Amino acid sequence: MLRDYNGKVIHMGATARPVMGHLANYEGVVVEIDKTGGFVSLKFEDGEIGVYFNDRIIVF
């Protein structure tokens, strides 16, 4: 189960807020979670991709 730094569960259809990157503090809806390749990536409704790392979401 993925949780953000505030303890909120992250799942498809939930809102999530990146803490770093060009979309920091933007809240978007998660439409896809990909756990392949040794890391977890999150795709947001607007097409942006974030990486889940150490209870944080980073969008490059």
N, C-alpha and C. Protein backbone atom coordinates (compact mmCIF):
# COMPACT_ATOMS: atom_id res chain seq x y z
N MET A 1 0.85 -1.18 0.00
CA MET A 1 0.00 0.00 0.00
C MET A 1 0.90 1.24 0.00
N LEU A 2 0.61 2.17 -0.87
CA LEU A 2 1.36 3.41 -0.94
C LEU A 2 0.71 4.46 -0.06
N ARG A 3 1.54 5.17 0.67
CA ARG A 3 1.06 6.29 1.49
C ARG A 3 1.97 7.49 1.26
N ASP A 4 1.39 8.68 1.32
CA ASP A 4 2.22 9.87 1.19
C ASP A 4 2.78 10.26 2.56
N TYR A 5 3.51 11.34 2.61
CA TYR A 5 4.18 11.74 3.85
C TYR A 5 3.21 12.14 4.97
N ASN A 6 1.96 12.37 4.63
CA ASN A 6 0.94 12.67 5.65
C ASN A 6 0.15 11.44 6.07
N GLY A 7 0.47 10.29 5.48
CA GLY A 7 -0.23 9.05 5.80
C GLY A 7 -1.44 8.76 4.94
N LYS A 8 -1.74 9.63 3.97
CA LYS A 8 -2.87 9.43 3.07
C LYS A 8 -2.57 8.30 2.09
N VAL A 9 -3.50 7.39 1.92
CA VAL A 9 -3.32 6.27 0.99
C VAL A 9 -3.42 6.77 -0.44
N ILE A 10 -2.47 6.31 -1.27
CA ILE A 10 -2.45 6.68 -2.69
C ILE A 10 -2.92 5.47 -3.49
N HIS A 11 -3.95 5.65 -4.30
CA HIS A 11 -4.47 4.59 -5.15
C HIS A 11 -5.07 5.22 -6.39
N MET A 12 -5.43 4.39 -7.37
CA MET A 12 -6.02 4.93 -8.59
C MET A 12 -7.35 5.60 -8.26
N GLY A 13 -7.54 6.79 -8.78
CA GLY A 13 -8.74 7.56 -8.53
C GLY A 13 -8.61 8.51 -7.35
N ALA A 14 -7.54 8.36 -6.58
CA ALA A 14 -7.33 9.25 -5.43
C ALA A 14 -6.58 10.51 -5.88
N THR A 15 -6.70 11.55 -5.11
CA THR A 15 -5.90 12.73 -5.38
C THR A 15 -4.55 12.59 -4.67
N ALA A 16 -3.52 13.10 -5.31
CA ALA A 16 -2.18 13.06 -4.75
C ALA A 16 -1.50 14.39 -5.05
N ARG A 17 -0.56 14.75 -4.20
CA ARG A 17 0.11 16.03 -4.34
C ARG A 17 1.63 15.83 -4.36
N PRO A 18 2.27 16.11 -5.52
CA PRO A 18 3.73 16.04 -5.56
C PRO A 18 4.34 17.08 -4.62
N VAL A 19 5.49 16.76 -4.04
CA VAL A 19 6.16 17.70 -3.14
C VAL A 19 7.40 18.31 -3.76
N MET A 20 7.85 17.76 -4.88
CA MET A 20 9.03 18.30 -5.57
C MET A 20 8.79 18.29 -7.07
N GLY A 21 9.49 19.16 -7.77
CA GLY A 21 9.38 19.22 -9.22
C GLY A 21 8.53 20.40 -9.65
N HIS A 22 8.30 20.48 -10.95
CA HIS A 22 7.59 21.64 -11.49
C HIS A 22 6.11 21.67 -11.13
N LEU A 23 5.56 20.59 -10.62
CA LEU A 23 4.16 20.57 -10.18
C LEU A 23 4.03 20.46 -8.67
N ALA A 24 5.04 20.92 -7.96
CA ALA A 24 4.99 20.84 -6.50
C ALA A 24 3.74 21.53 -5.97
N ASN A 25 3.06 20.85 -5.08
CA ASN A 25 1.84 21.34 -4.41
C ASN A 25 0.63 21.40 -5.33
N TYR A 26 0.72 20.86 -6.54
CA TYR A 26 -0.43 20.72 -7.43
C TYR A 26 -1.11 19.40 -7.07
N GLU A 27 -2.40 19.42 -6.85
CA GLU A 27 -3.11 18.19 -6.52
C GLU A 27 -3.82 17.67 -7.75
N GLY A 28 -3.54 16.41 -8.10
CA GLY A 28 -4.14 15.80 -9.27
C GLY A 28 -4.64 14.41 -8.98
N VAL A 29 -5.46 13.89 -9.87
CA VAL A 29 -6.04 12.56 -9.71
C VAL A 29 -5.11 11.53 -10.35
N VAL A 30 -4.80 10.47 -9.61
CA VAL A 30 -3.95 9.38 -10.10
C VAL A 30 -4.80 8.46 -10.97
N VAL A 31 -4.36 8.24 -12.22
CA VAL A 31 -5.10 7.38 -13.13
C VAL A 31 -4.38 6.07 -13.43
N GLU A 32 -3.09 5.99 -13.09
CA GLU A 32 -2.35 4.76 -13.32
C GLU A 32 -1.19 4.66 -12.33
N ILE A 33 -0.97 3.46 -11.82
CA ILE A 33 0.16 3.18 -10.95
C ILE A 33 0.96 2.04 -11.59
N ASP A 34 2.23 2.29 -11.85
CA ASP A 34 3.10 1.30 -12.50
C ASP A 34 4.23 0.93 -11.54
N LYS A 35 4.30 -0.34 -11.17
CA LYS A 35 5.31 -0.80 -10.21
C LYS A 35 6.41 -1.63 -10.87
N THR A 36 6.60 -1.48 -12.17
CA THR A 36 7.64 -2.25 -12.86
C THR A 36 8.94 -1.45 -12.91
N GLY A 37 10.03 -2.14 -13.15
CA GLY A 37 11.31 -1.46 -13.32
C GLY A 37 12.01 -1.09 -12.03
N GLY A 38 11.55 -1.59 -10.89
CA GLY A 38 12.23 -1.32 -9.64
C GLY A 38 11.81 -0.06 -8.93
N PHE A 39 10.87 0.68 -9.48
CA PHE A 39 10.35 1.88 -8.81
C PHE A 39 8.86 2.01 -9.11
N VAL A 40 8.22 2.93 -8.46
CA VAL A 40 6.78 3.14 -8.64
C VAL A 40 6.56 4.49 -9.33
N SER A 41 5.86 4.46 -10.45
CA SER A 41 5.51 5.71 -11.12
C SER A 41 4.00 5.90 -11.09
N LEU A 42 3.60 7.15 -11.00
CA LEU A 42 2.19 7.52 -10.95
C LEU A 42 1.88 8.41 -12.15
N LYS A 43 0.82 8.09 -12.87
CA LYS A 43 0.38 8.93 -13.97
C LYS A 43 -0.85 9.70 -13.52
N PHE A 44 -0.81 11.02 -13.71
CA PHE A 44 -1.91 11.88 -13.32
C PHE A 44 -2.86 12.11 -14.48
N GLU A 45 -4.06 12.60 -14.18
CA GLU A 45 -5.10 12.79 -15.19
C GLU A 45 -4.68 13.74 -16.31
N ASP A 46 -3.76 14.65 -16.04
CA ASP A 46 -3.32 15.59 -17.08
C ASP A 46 -2.14 15.07 -17.89
N GLY A 47 -1.74 13.80 -17.65
CA GLY A 47 -0.67 13.18 -18.40
C GLY A 47 0.71 13.27 -17.77
N GLU A 48 0.84 14.04 -16.70
CA GLU A 48 2.12 14.16 -16.02
C GLU A 48 2.47 12.84 -15.32
N ILE A 49 3.76 12.54 -15.25
CA ILE A 49 4.25 11.33 -14.60
C ILE A 49 5.03 11.72 -13.36
N GLY A 50 4.73 11.07 -12.27
CA GLY A 50 5.46 11.29 -11.02
C GLY A 50 6.10 10.01 -10.55
N VAL A 51 7.16 10.13 -9.78
CA VAL A 51 7.85 8.98 -9.21
C VAL A 51 7.61 8.99 -7.70
N TYR A 52 7.22 7.85 -7.18
CA TYR A 52 6.98 7.69 -5.74
C TYR A 52 8.29 7.21 -5.12
N PHE A 53 8.84 8.00 -4.21
CA PHE A 53 10.13 7.68 -3.60
C PHE A 53 10.14 8.16 -2.15
N ASN A 54 10.39 7.24 -1.22
CA ASN A 54 10.54 7.59 0.18
C ASN A 54 9.33 8.38 0.71
N ASP A 55 8.13 7.89 0.40
CA ASP A 55 6.87 8.52 0.82
C ASP A 55 6.65 9.90 0.22
N ARG A 56 7.31 10.21 -0.85
CA ARG A 56 7.15 11.49 -1.53
C ARG A 56 6.86 11.24 -3.02
N ILE A 57 6.19 12.19 -3.66
CA ILE A 57 5.94 12.11 -5.10
C ILE A 57 6.73 13.24 -5.75
N ILE A 58 7.54 12.88 -6.74
CA ILE A 58 8.37 13.85 -7.44
C ILE A 58 7.97 13.83 -8.91
N VAL A 59 7.71 15.01 -9.48
CA VAL A 59 7.36 15.14 -10.90
C VAL A 59 8.48 15.92 -11.56
N PHE A 60 9.06 15.33 -12.61
CA PHE A 60 10.18 15.98 -13.29
C PHE A 60 9.72 16.84 -14.43
